[in-house]
Amino acid sequence: MNLTESFIHSQNQLGEGPLWHPDEQALYWVDIHQNRVERYSLANEKRQTIQFQRMVTALGLRKSGGFIAATADGVGYWDGQSAQVALFAHPETHFPENRFNDGKVGPDGRFWAGTMRERVDLDTPPPGSLYRVDADETVQKMETGLHISNGLGWSPDRRFFYLTDSPRKTITRYRFDSNEGEITERKIFLHTPDEPGVPDGLAVDAEGCIWSARWGGWKVARYSPKGETLQEIHLPVEYVTSCAFGGADLKTLFITTAWTPLNADARAAQPLAGDIFSVEVDVQGQMPWRFAG
């Protein structure tokens, strides 16, 4: 399947973290390197950009309204309107070169988010970790030894949790305990050393299949729960960053992209780099969960 036209001409430097808001029928996403949160309403086709003073790297819906947000400086709450995140936790103050990266609310009502170093050095010990943020604002370290803690998601039966480490070209699967918020039985679900690009953000559909964006790979790939390639969506841009299901029937796949690694000539050759793409697919996604705090 090929996509040739963008849905939103956003031109994000590092578009990431798409999140569907079913109450508003709107798509939210972040432009990490330009400190922006973006919103696009499908109802009135209007785009809104909120400019922050710090990196906002991922968002999750809250049951009480507004959002929980991961930033370069920790985790906090965002009211959905202002340009401020009210931070309440920063578990890596001792790693000043690290920042949060991708994050999502899980079916357990907790916020899961991981860290990375902005400049990756594969010859040094991996500095990234995965954290779980509970409703009482306590933070638990759940995994260590990650170069870039990235795309994450849950199977629809809540039995499995998926986590990406992009430089290693791997997606890891864990057994997931929704009641306790625990992950066990770590197993490599997907390793793609010979495939163009690296796995980035992901979404899991209602059939339990994983849709993984390929940074540097020009595509989003759909994998079965056994890791078999079922479908590929090819895009006219190289750096595909993440994807999320949305729309009235949850059958629209929204895809974020970036231009941050491109020089002037490469950007001219990829004029849609940084835009949001959308494609109608034959399977539903899962409704986004909400943070219990």
C-alpha atoms as a PDB file:
ATOM      1  CA  MET A   1       0.000   0.000   0.000  1.00  0.00           C
ATOM      2  CA  ASN A   2       1.436   3.372  -1.009  1.00  0.00           C
ATOM      3  CA  LEU A   3       0.695   6.835   0.340  1.00  0.00           C
ATOM      4  CA  THR A   4       1.575   9.859  -1.767  1.00  0.00           C
ATOM      5  CA  GLU A   5      -0.271  12.764  -0.140  1.00  0.00           C
ATOM      6  CA  SER A   6      -0.134  14.120   3.381  1.00  0.00           C
ATOM      7  CA  PHE A   7      -3.183  14.609   5.565  1.00  0.00           C
ATOM      8  CA  ILE A   8      -1.892  17.603   7.549  1.00  0.00           C
ATOM      9  CA  HIS A   9       0.879  19.751   6.092  1.00  0.00           C
ATOM     10  CA  SER A  10       2.494  20.213   9.495  1.00  0.00           C
ATOM     11  CA  GLN A  11       6.187  20.174   8.509  1.00  0.00           C
ATOM     12  CA  ASN A  12       7.222  19.031  11.990  1.00  0.00           C
ATOM     13  CA  GLN A  13      10.916  18.769  12.655  1.00  0.00           C
ATOM     14  CA  LEU A  14      10.356  15.695  14.832  1.00  0.00           C
ATOM     15  CA  GLY A  15       6.663  14.821  14.772  1.00  0.00           C
ATOM     16  CA  GLU A  16       5.915  12.080  17.308  1.00  0.00           C
ATOM     17  CA  GLY A  17       3.443  10.625  19.775  1.00  0.00           C
ATOM     18  CA  PRO A  18       0.102  10.772  17.910  1.00  0.00           C
ATOM     19  CA  LEU A  19      -2.842  10.466  20.323  1.00  0.00           C
ATOM     20  CA  TRP A  20      -6.506  10.275  19.399  1.00  0.00           C
ATOM     21  CA  HIS A  21      -8.930  12.149  21.677  1.00  0.00           C
ATOM     22  CA  PRO A  22     -12.327  10.462  21.156  1.00  0.00           C
ATOM     23  CA  ASP A  23     -14.303  13.085  23.124  1.00  0.00           C
ATOM     24  CA  GLU A  24     -13.015  15.918  20.940  1.00  0.00           C
ATOM     25  CA  GLN A  25     -12.693  13.890  17.713  1.00  0.00           C
ATOM     26  CA  ALA A  26      -9.248  15.430  17.473  1.00  0.00           C
ATOM     27  CA  LEU A  27      -5.686  14.248  16.933  1.00  0.00           C
ATOM     28  CA  TYR A  28      -2.899  15.429  19.218  1.00  0.00           C
ATOM     29  CA  TRP A  29       0.817  14.980  18.571  1.00  0.00           C
ATOM     30  CA  VAL A  30       4.138  16.556  19.525  1.00  0.00           C
ATOM     31  CA  ASP A  31       7.022  18.161  17.663  1.00  0.00           C
ATOM     32  CA  ILE A  32       9.767  17.248  20.104  1.00  0.00           C
ATOM     33  CA  HIS A  33      12.643  19.317  18.742  1.00  0.00           C
ATOM     34  CA  GLN A  34      10.521  22.453  18.354  1.00  0.00           C
ATOM     35  CA  ASN A  35       8.899  22.191  21.822  1.00  0.00           C
ATOM     36  CA  ARG A  36       5.393  22.049  20.390  1.00  0.00           C
ATOM     37  CA  VAL A  37       2.131  20.227  20.958  1.00  0.00           C
ATOM     38  CA  GLU A  38      -0.204  20.140  17.965  1.00  0.00           C
ATOM     39  CA  ARG A  39      -3.944  19.533  17.781  1.00  0.00           C
ATOM     40  CA  TYR A  40      -6.106  18.932  14.724  1.00  0.00           C
ATOM     41  CA  SER A  41      -9.897  18.791  14.960  1.00  0.00           C
ATOM     42  CA  LEU A  42     -11.599  16.542  12.445  1.00  0.00           C
ATOM     43  CA  ALA A  43     -14.879  18.330  13.176  1.00  0.00           C
ATOM     44  CA  ASN A  44     -13.829  21.756  11.906  1.00  0.00           C
ATOM     45  CA  GLU A  45     -10.523  20.850  10.193  1.00  0.00           C
ATOM     46  CA  LYS A  46      -8.612  23.396  12.272  1.00  0.00           C
ATOM     47  CA  ARG A  47      -5.042  22.970  13.477  1.00  0.00           C
ATOM     48  CA  GLN A  48      -3.745  24.497  16.705  1.00  0.00           C
ATOM     49  CA  THR A  49      -0.094  24.772  17.774  1.00  0.00           C
ATOM     50  CA  ILE A  50       0.915  25.311  21.409  1.00  0.00           C
ATOM     51  CA  GLN A  51       4.501  26.494  21.875  1.00  0.00           C
ATOM     52  CA  PHE A  52       6.255  25.340  25.066  1.00  0.00           C
ATOM     53  CA  GLN A  53       9.540  26.359  26.683  1.00  0.00           C
ATOM     54  CA  ARG A  54      10.618  22.734  27.111  1.00  0.00           C
ATOM     55  CA  MET A  55      10.453  19.542  25.067  1.00  0.00           C
ATOM     56  CA  VAL A  56       7.148  17.714  25.369  1.00  0.00           C
ATOM     57  CA  THR A  57       7.766  14.174  24.154  1.00  0.00           C
ATOM     58  CA  ALA A  58       4.552  12.210  24.794  1.00  0.00           C
ATOM     59  CA  LEU A  59       0.956  12.681  25.963  1.00  0.00           C
ATOM     60  CA  GLY A  60      -1.711  10.552  27.589  1.00  0.00           C
ATOM     61  CA  LEU A  61      -5.357  11.272  28.411  1.00  0.00           C
ATOM     62  CA  ARG A  62      -6.458  11.653  32.050  1.00  0.00           C
ATOM     63  CA  LYS A  63      -9.764  10.429  33.493  1.00  0.00           C
ATOM     64  CA  SER A  64     -10.064  13.710  35.374  1.00  0.00           C
ATOM     65  CA  GLY A  65      -9.533  15.756  32.209  1.00  0.00           C
ATOM     66  CA  GLY A  66      -6.498  17.148  30.473  1.00  0.00           C
ATOM     67  CA  PHE A  67      -3.333  15.155  29.899  1.00  0.00           C
ATOM     68  CA  ILE A  68      -0.369  13.551  31.544  1.00  0.00           C
ATOM     69  CA  ALA A  69       2.815  14.510  29.705  1.00  0.00           C
ATOM     70  CA  ALA A  70       6.397  13.316  29.432  1.00  0.00           C
ATOM     71  CA  THR A  71       8.939  16.088  28.914  1.00  0.00           C
ATOM     72  CA  ALA A  72      12.696  16.512  28.755  1.00  0.00           C
ATOM     73  CA  ASP A  73      12.549  17.456  32.447  1.00  0.00           C
ATOM     74  CA  GLY A  74      10.216  14.811  33.837  1.00  0.00           C
ATOM     75  CA  VAL A  75       6.519  13.952  33.989  1.00  0.00           C
ATOM     76  CA  GLY A  76       3.619  16.260  34.769  1.00  0.00           C
ATOM     77  CA  TYR A  77       0.110  17.395  33.928  1.00  0.00           C
ATOM     78  CA  TRP A  78      -1.011  19.576  31.046  1.00  0.00           C
ATOM     79  CA  ASP A  79      -4.426  21.226  30.998  1.00  0.00           C
ATOM     80  CA  GLY A  80      -4.736  21.030  27.212  1.00  0.00           C
ATOM     81  CA  GLN A  81      -4.753  24.804  26.715  1.00  0.00           C
ATOM     82  CA  SER A  82      -1.812  26.574  28.350  1.00  0.00           C
ATOM     83  CA  ALA A  83       1.856  26.327  27.413  1.00  0.00           C
ATOM     84  CA  GLN A  84       2.843  24.924  30.798  1.00  0.00           C
ATOM     85  CA  VAL A  85       3.343  21.414  32.163  1.00  0.00           C
ATOM     86  CA  ALA A  86       2.992  21.111  35.950  1.00  0.00           C
ATOM     87  CA  LEU A  87       5.833  18.692  36.693  1.00  0.00           C
ATOM     88  CA  PHE A  88       5.593  16.313  39.642  1.00  0.00           C
ATOM     89  CA  ALA A  89       8.338  13.710  39.002  1.00  0.00           C
ATOM     90  CA  HIS A  90      11.796  13.548  37.465  1.00  0.00           C
ATOM     91  CA  PRO A  91      13.442  10.182  38.138  1.00  0.00           C
ATOM     92  CA  GLU A  92      16.635  10.911  36.201  1.00  0.00           C
ATOM     93  CA  THR A  93      17.997  14.157  37.608  1.00  0.00           C
ATOM     94  CA  HIS A  94      21.286  12.268  38.017  1.00  0.00           C
ATOM     95  CA  PHE A  95      21.438  11.779  34.219  1.00  0.00           C
ATOM     96  CA  PRO A  96      21.332  15.370  32.879  1.00  0.00           C
ATOM     97  CA  GLU A  97      21.965  14.205  29.298  1.00  0.00           C
ATOM     98  CA  ASN A  98      18.902  11.971  29.325  1.00  0.00           C
ATOM     99  CA  ARG A  99      15.351  12.968  28.429  1.00  0.00           C
ATOM    100  CA  PHE A 100      12.020  11.221  28.284  1.00  0.00           C
ATOM    101  CA  ASN A 101      10.948   9.920  24.896  1.00  0.00           C
ATOM    102  CA  ASP A 102       7.848   7.903  24.003  1.00  0.00           C
ATOM    103  CA  GLY A 103       5.089   7.212  26.512  1.00  0.00           C
ATOM    104  CA  LYS A 104       1.507   5.949  26.732  1.00  0.00           C
ATOM    105  CA  VAL A 105      -1.223   5.227  29.230  1.00  0.00           C
ATOM    106  CA  GLY A 106      -1.781   1.504  29.587  1.00  0.00           C
ATOM    107  CA  PRO A 107      -4.919  -0.556  30.229  1.00  0.00           C
ATOM    108  CA  ASP A 108      -3.947  -0.495  33.919  1.00  0.00           C
ATOM    109  CA  GLY A 109      -4.568   3.269  34.075  1.00  0.00           C
ATOM    110  CA  ARG A 110      -0.861   3.958  34.602  1.00  0.00           C
ATOM    111  CA  PHE A 111       1.445   6.054  32.432  1.00  0.00           C
ATOM    112  CA  TRP A 112       4.414   4.220  30.945  1.00  0.00           C
ATOM    113  CA  ALA A 113       7.302   6.271  29.538  1.00  0.00           C
ATOM    114  CA  GLY A 114      10.955   5.686  28.757  1.00  0.00           C
ATOM    115  CA  THR A 115      14.149   7.683  28.522  1.00  0.00           C
ATOM    116  CA  MET A 116      17.057   8.089  26.148  1.00  0.00           C
ATOM    117  CA  ARG A 117      20.193  10.110  25.592  1.00  0.00           C
ATOM    118  CA  GLU A 118      19.799  12.639  22.771  1.00  0.00           C
ATOM    119  CA  ARG A 119      23.097  11.563  21.217  1.00  0.00           C
ATOM    120  CA  VAL A 120      23.161   7.780  21.016  1.00  0.00           C
ATOM    121  CA  ASP A 121      26.527   6.058  21.431  1.00  0.00           C
ATOM    122  CA  LEU A 122      26.254   2.320  20.892  1.00  0.00           C
ATOM    123  CA  ASP A 123      29.770   1.819  22.278  1.00  0.00           C
ATOM    124  CA  THR A 124      28.760   2.951  25.765  1.00  0.00           C
ATOM    125  CA  PRO A 125      26.375   1.271  28.237  1.00  0.00           C
ATOM    126  CA  PRO A 126      22.760   2.000  27.231  1.00  0.00           C
ATOM    127  CA  PRO A 127      21.516   4.844  29.449  1.00  0.00           C
ATOM    128  CA  GLY A 128      17.759   4.584  28.905  1.00  0.00           C
ATOM    129  CA  SER A 129      15.133   3.117  31.215  1.00  0.00           C
ATOM    130  CA  LEU A 130      11.386   2.479  31.242  1.00  0.00           C
ATOM    131  CA  TYR A 131       9.258   3.959  34.027  1.00  0.00           C
ATOM    132  CA  ARG A 132       5.733   3.370  35.295  1.00  0.00           C
ATOM    133  CA  VAL A 133       3.854   6.328  36.766  1.00  0.00           C
ATOM    134  CA  ASP A 134       1.024   5.371  39.125  1.00  0.00           C
ATOM    135  CA  ALA A 135      -2.152   7.297  39.903  1.00  0.00           C
ATOM    136  CA  ASP A 136      -0.658   8.507  43.213  1.00  0.00           C
ATOM    137  CA  GLU A 137       2.237  10.066  41.228  1.00  0.00           C
ATOM    138  CA  THR A 138       4.814   7.537  42.421  1.00  0.00           C
ATOM    139  CA  VAL A 139       7.310   6.385  39.806  1.00  0.00           C
ATOM    140  CA  GLN A 140       8.701   2.864  39.414  1.00  0.00           C
ATOM    141  CA  LYS A 141      11.636   1.845  37.209  1.00  0.00           C
ATOM    142  CA  MET A 142      10.468  -1.151  35.170  1.00  0.00           C
ATOM    143  CA  GLU A 143      13.316  -1.813  32.714  1.00  0.00           C
ATOM    144  CA  THR A 144      16.911  -0.685  32.195  1.00  0.00           C
ATOM    145  CA  GLY A 145      19.636  -1.084  29.573  1.00  0.00           C
ATOM    146  CA  LEU A 146      17.791   0.666  26.727  1.00  0.00           C
ATOM    147  CA  HIS A 147      19.494   2.829  24.134  1.00  0.00           C
ATOM    148  CA  ILE A 148      16.264   4.553  23.088  1.00  0.00           C
ATOM    149  CA  SER A 149      13.128   3.542  24.952  1.00  0.00           C
ATOM    150  CA  ASN A 150      10.565   3.906  22.197  1.00  0.00           C
ATOM    151  CA  GLY A 151       7.262   2.643  20.774  1.00  0.00           C
ATOM    152  CA  LEU A 152       5.112   0.803  23.299  1.00  0.00           C
ATOM    153  CA  GLY A 153       1.699  -0.835  23.325  1.00  0.00           C
ATOM    154  CA  TRP A 154      -0.519  -3.573  24.750  1.00  0.00           C
ATOM    155  CA  SER A 155      -2.334  -6.544  23.281  1.00  0.00           C
ATOM    156  CA  PRO A 156      -6.146  -6.210  23.339  1.00  0.00           C
ATOM    157  CA  ASP A 157      -6.456  -9.103  25.803  1.00  0.00           C
ATOM    158  CA  ARG A 158      -4.030  -7.229  28.117  1.00  0.00           C
ATOM    159  CA  ARG A 159      -1.720 -10.244  28.333  1.00  0.00           C
ATOM    160  CA  PHE A 160       1.280  -8.693  26.590  1.00  0.00           C
ATOM    161  CA  PHE A 161       3.240  -5.450  26.576  1.00  0.00           C
ATOM    162  CA  TYR A 162       5.502  -4.358  23.706  1.00  0.00           C
ATOM    163  CA  LEU A 163       8.536  -2.067  23.957  1.00  0.00           C
ATOM    164  CA  THR A 164      10.888  -0.854  21.219  1.00  0.00           C
ATOM    165  CA  ASP A 165      14.615  -0.168  21.481  1.00  0.00           C
ATOM    166  CA  SER A 166      15.277   1.526  18.157  1.00  0.00           C
ATOM    167  CA  PRO A 167      19.096   1.312  17.760  1.00  0.00           C
ATOM    168  CA  ARG A 168      18.964  -2.402  18.515  1.00  0.00           C
ATOM    169  CA  LYS A 169      16.259  -2.808  15.840  1.00  0.00           C
ATOM    170  CA  THR A 170      14.181  -4.792  18.308  1.00  0.00           C
ATOM    171  CA  ILE A 171      10.673  -4.887  19.707  1.00  0.00           C
ATOM    172  CA  THR A 172      10.510  -6.802  22.985  1.00  0.00           C
ATOM    173  CA  ARG A 173       7.406  -8.528  24.308  1.00  0.00           C
ATOM    174  CA  TYR A 174       6.658  -8.978  28.002  1.00  0.00           C
ATOM    175  CA  ARG A 175       3.958 -10.785  29.906  1.00  0.00           C
ATOM    176  CA  PHE A 176       1.755  -8.047  31.384  1.00  0.00           C
ATOM    177  CA  ASP A 177      -0.148  -8.064  34.676  1.00  0.00           C
ATOM    178  CA  SER A 178      -2.793  -5.341  34.371  1.00  0.00           C
ATOM    179  CA  ASN A 179      -3.811  -5.500  38.044  1.00  0.00           C
ATOM    180  CA  GLU A 180      -0.310  -5.126  39.458  1.00  0.00           C
ATOM    181  CA  GLY A 181       1.193  -3.156  36.587  1.00  0.00           C
ATOM    182  CA  GLU A 182       4.068  -5.611  36.275  1.00  0.00           C
ATOM    183  CA  ILE A 183       5.997  -6.880  33.250  1.00  0.00           C
ATOM    184  CA  THR A 184       7.778 -10.248  33.208  1.00  0.00           C
ATOM    185  CA  GLU A 185       9.035 -12.935  30.804  1.00  0.00           C
ATOM    186  CA  ARG A 186      11.038 -10.636  28.526  1.00  0.00           C
ATOM    187  CA  LYS A 187      11.270 -12.058  24.983  1.00  0.00           C
ATOM    188  CA  ILE A 188      12.436 -10.580  21.673  1.00  0.00           C
ATOM    189  CA  PHE A 189       9.315 -10.270  19.533  1.00  0.00           C
ATOM    190  CA  LEU A 190      10.944  -8.737  16.462  1.00  0.00           C
ATOM    191  CA  HIS A 191      14.556  -8.199  15.382  1.00  0.00           C
ATOM    192  CA  THR A 192      15.125  -6.635  11.953  1.00  0.00           C
ATOM    193  CA  PRO A 193      18.882  -6.174  11.417  1.00  0.00           C
ATOM    194  CA  ASP A 194      18.599  -6.528   7.630  1.00  0.00           C
ATOM    195  CA  GLU A 195      15.559  -4.321   7.085  1.00  0.00           C
ATOM    196  CA  PRO A 196      15.902  -0.642   6.109  1.00  0.00           C
ATOM    197  CA  GLY A 197      15.529   1.753   8.994  1.00  0.00           C
ATOM    198  CA  VAL A 198      14.813   0.990  12.644  1.00  0.00           C
ATOM    199  CA  PRO A 199      11.530   0.435  14.529  1.00  0.00           C
ATOM    200  CA  ASP A 200      10.158   3.598  16.125  1.00  0.00           C
ATOM    201  CA  GLY A 201       6.671   4.274  17.530  1.00  0.00           C
ATOM    202  CA  LEU A 202       3.958   1.641  17.290  1.00  0.00           C
ATOM    203  CA  ALA A 203       0.244   0.943  17.670  1.00  0.00           C
ATOM    204  CA  VAL A 204      -1.543  -2.325  18.411  1.00  0.00           C
ATOM    205  CA  ASP A 205      -4.845  -2.997  16.657  1.00  0.00           C
ATOM    206  CA  ALA A 206      -7.959  -4.813  17.898  1.00  0.00           C
ATOM    207  CA  GLU A 207      -6.711  -8.086  16.384  1.00  0.00           C
ATOM    208  CA  GLY A 208      -3.469  -7.901  18.361  1.00  0.00           C
ATOM    209  CA  CYS A 209      -1.295  -6.992  15.387  1.00  0.00           C
ATOM    210  CA  ILE A 210       1.527  -4.473  15.776  1.00  0.00           C
ATOM    211  CA  TRP A 211       1.900  -1.492  13.430  1.00  0.00           C
ATOM    212  CA  SER A 212       5.509  -0.281  13.666  1.00  0.00           C
ATOM    213  CA  ALA A 213       6.816   2.940  12.109  1.00  0.00           C
ATOM    214  CA  ARG A 214      10.262   2.552  10.495  1.00  0.00           C
ATOM    215  CA  TRP A 215      12.603   5.489  11.154  1.00  0.00           C
ATOM    216  CA  GLY A 216      14.737   5.715   8.012  1.00  0.00           C
ATOM    217  CA  GLY A 217      12.663   2.979   6.387  1.00  0.00           C
ATOM    218  CA  TRP A 218       9.985   4.934   4.444  1.00  0.00           C
ATOM    219  CA  LYS A 219       7.117   2.838   5.815  1.00  0.00           C
ATOM    220  CA  VAL A 220       4.866   1.470   8.534  1.00  0.00           C
ATOM    221  CA  ALA A 221       4.783  -2.320   8.799  1.00  0.00           C
ATOM    222  CA  ARG A 222       2.035  -4.467  10.315  1.00  0.00           C
ATOM    223  CA  TYR A 223       3.147  -7.631  12.103  1.00  0.00           C
ATOM    224  CA  SER A 224       1.057 -10.538  13.359  1.00  0.00           C
ATOM    225  CA  PRO A 225       1.243 -11.541  17.042  1.00  0.00           C
ATOM    226  CA  LYS A 226       3.770 -14.159  15.828  1.00  0.00           C
ATOM    227  CA  GLY A 227       5.996 -11.515  14.240  1.00  0.00           C
ATOM    228  CA  GLU A 228       5.054 -12.239  10.610  1.00  0.00           C
ATOM    229  CA  THR A 229       4.921  -9.271   8.210  1.00  0.00           C
ATOM    230  CA  LEU A 230       1.307  -8.903   7.074  1.00  0.00           C
ATOM    231  CA  GLN A 231       1.186  -5.488   5.414  1.00  0.00           C
ATOM    232  CA  GLU A 232       3.329  -2.462   4.613  1.00  0.00           C
ATOM    233  CA  ILE A 233       2.315   1.158   4.100  1.00  0.00           C
ATOM    234  CA  HIS A 234       4.951   2.949   2.026  1.00  0.00           C
ATOM    235  CA  LEU A 235       5.327   6.704   2.380  1.00  0.00           C
ATOM    236  CA  PRO A 236       7.129   9.377   0.318  1.00  0.00           C
ATOM    237  CA  VAL A 237       9.205  10.372   3.358  1.00  0.00           C
ATOM    238  CA  GLU A 238      12.150   8.559   4.900  1.00  0.00           C
ATOM    239  CA  TYR A 239      11.764   9.255   8.604  1.00  0.00           C
ATOM    240  CA  VAL A 240       8.473   7.738   9.748  1.00  0.00           C
ATOM    241  CA  THR A 241       8.175   8.119  13.501  1.00  0.00           C
ATOM    242  CA  SER A 242       4.927   6.749  14.938  1.00  0.00           C
ATOM    243  CA  CYS A 243       1.282   5.901  14.326  1.00  0.00           C
ATOM    244  CA  ALA A 244      -2.043   5.789  16.151  1.00  0.00           C
ATOM    245  CA  PHE A 245      -5.595   4.744  15.371  1.00  0.00           C
ATOM    246  CA  GLY A 246      -8.401   7.275  15.413  1.00  0.00           C
ATOM    247  CA  GLY A 247     -11.462   8.533  13.609  1.00  0.00           C
ATOM    248  CA  ALA A 248     -15.079   7.809  14.434  1.00  0.00           C
ATOM    249  CA  ASP A 249     -14.661   4.057  13.854  1.00  0.00           C
ATOM    250  CA  LEU A 250     -10.986   3.787  14.925  1.00  0.00           C
ATOM    251  CA  LYS A 251     -10.064   2.604  11.432  1.00  0.00           C
ATOM    252  CA  THR A 252      -7.956   5.604  10.452  1.00  0.00           C
ATOM    253  CA  LEU A 253      -4.229   5.163  10.993  1.00  0.00           C
ATOM    254  CA  PHE A 254      -2.553   8.522  11.603  1.00  0.00           C
ATOM    255  CA  ILE A 255       1.192   8.549  10.901  1.00  0.00           C
ATOM    256  CA  THR A 256       3.734  11.113  12.113  1.00  0.00           C
ATOM    257  CA  THR A 257       7.006  11.895  10.329  1.00  0.00           C
ATOM    258  CA  ALA A 258      10.128  14.043  10.700  1.00  0.00           C
ATOM    259  CA  TRP A 259      12.735  15.979   8.754  1.00  0.00           C
ATOM    260  CA  THR A 260      15.291  16.495  11.521  1.00  0.00           C
ATOM    261  CA  PRO A 261      18.078  14.313   9.981  1.00  0.00           C
ATOM    262  CA  LEU A 262      17.683  15.761   6.466  1.00  0.00           C
ATOM    263  CA  ASN A 263      20.003  18.318   4.883  1.00  0.00           C
ATOM    264  CA  ALA A 264      18.668  21.015   2.560  1.00  0.00           C
ATOM    265  CA  ASP A 265      18.927  18.872  -0.588  1.00  0.00           C
ATOM    266  CA  ALA A 266      17.213  15.912   1.036  1.00  0.00           C
ATOM    267  CA  ARG A 267      14.408  18.130   2.354  1.00  0.00           C
ATOM    268  CA  ALA A 268      13.857  19.513  -1.129  1.00  0.00           C
ATOM    269  CA  ALA A 269      13.582  15.948  -2.418  1.00  0.00           C
ATOM    270  CA  GLN A 270      11.109  15.074   0.372  1.00  0.00           C
ATOM    271  CA  PRO A 271       8.805  18.107   0.572  1.00  0.00           C
ATOM    272  CA  LEU A 272       6.252  16.215   2.693  1.00  0.00           C
ATOM    273  CA  ALA A 273       8.751  15.246   5.407  1.00  0.00           C
ATOM    274  CA  GLY A 274       7.364  16.273   8.786  1.00  0.00           C
ATOM    275  CA  ASP A 275       3.727  16.017   7.678  1.00  0.00           C
ATOM    276  CA  ILE A 276       0.957  13.860   9.149  1.00  0.00           C
ATOM    277  CA  PHE A 277      -0.350  11.099   6.901  1.00  0.00           C
ATOM    278  CA  SER A 278      -3.520   9.069   7.272  1.00  0.00           C
ATOM    279  CA  VAL A 279      -4.773   5.860   5.730  1.00  0.00           C
ATOM    280  CA  GLU A 280      -8.050   3.967   6.104  1.00  0.00           C
ATOM    281  CA  VAL A 281      -7.412   0.367   7.096  1.00  0.00           C
ATOM    282  CA  ASP A 282      -9.618  -2.724   7.407  1.00  0.00           C
ATOM    283  CA  VAL A 283      -9.127  -3.289  11.123  1.00  0.00           C
ATOM    284  CA  GLN A 284     -10.030  -1.213  14.164  1.00  0.00           C
ATOM    285  CA  GLY A 285      -7.511   0.128  16.588  1.00  0.00           C
ATOM    286  CA  GLN A 286      -7.942   0.216  20.353  1.00  0.00           C
ATOM    287  CA  MET A 287      -9.496   3.113  22.219  1.00  0.00           C
ATOM    288  CA  PRO A 288      -6.803   5.055  24.105  1.00  0.00           C
ATOM    289  CA  TRP A 289      -6.775   4.389  27.840  1.00  0.00           C
ATOM    290  CA  ARG A 290      -6.825   7.155  30.453  1.00  0.00           C
ATOM    291  CA  PHE A 291      -4.509   7.850  33.338  1.00  0.00           C
ATOM    292  CA  ALA A 292      -6.257   7.131  36.631  1.00  0.00           C
ATOM    293  CA  GLY A 293      -4.684  10.084  38.465  1.00  0.00           C
END
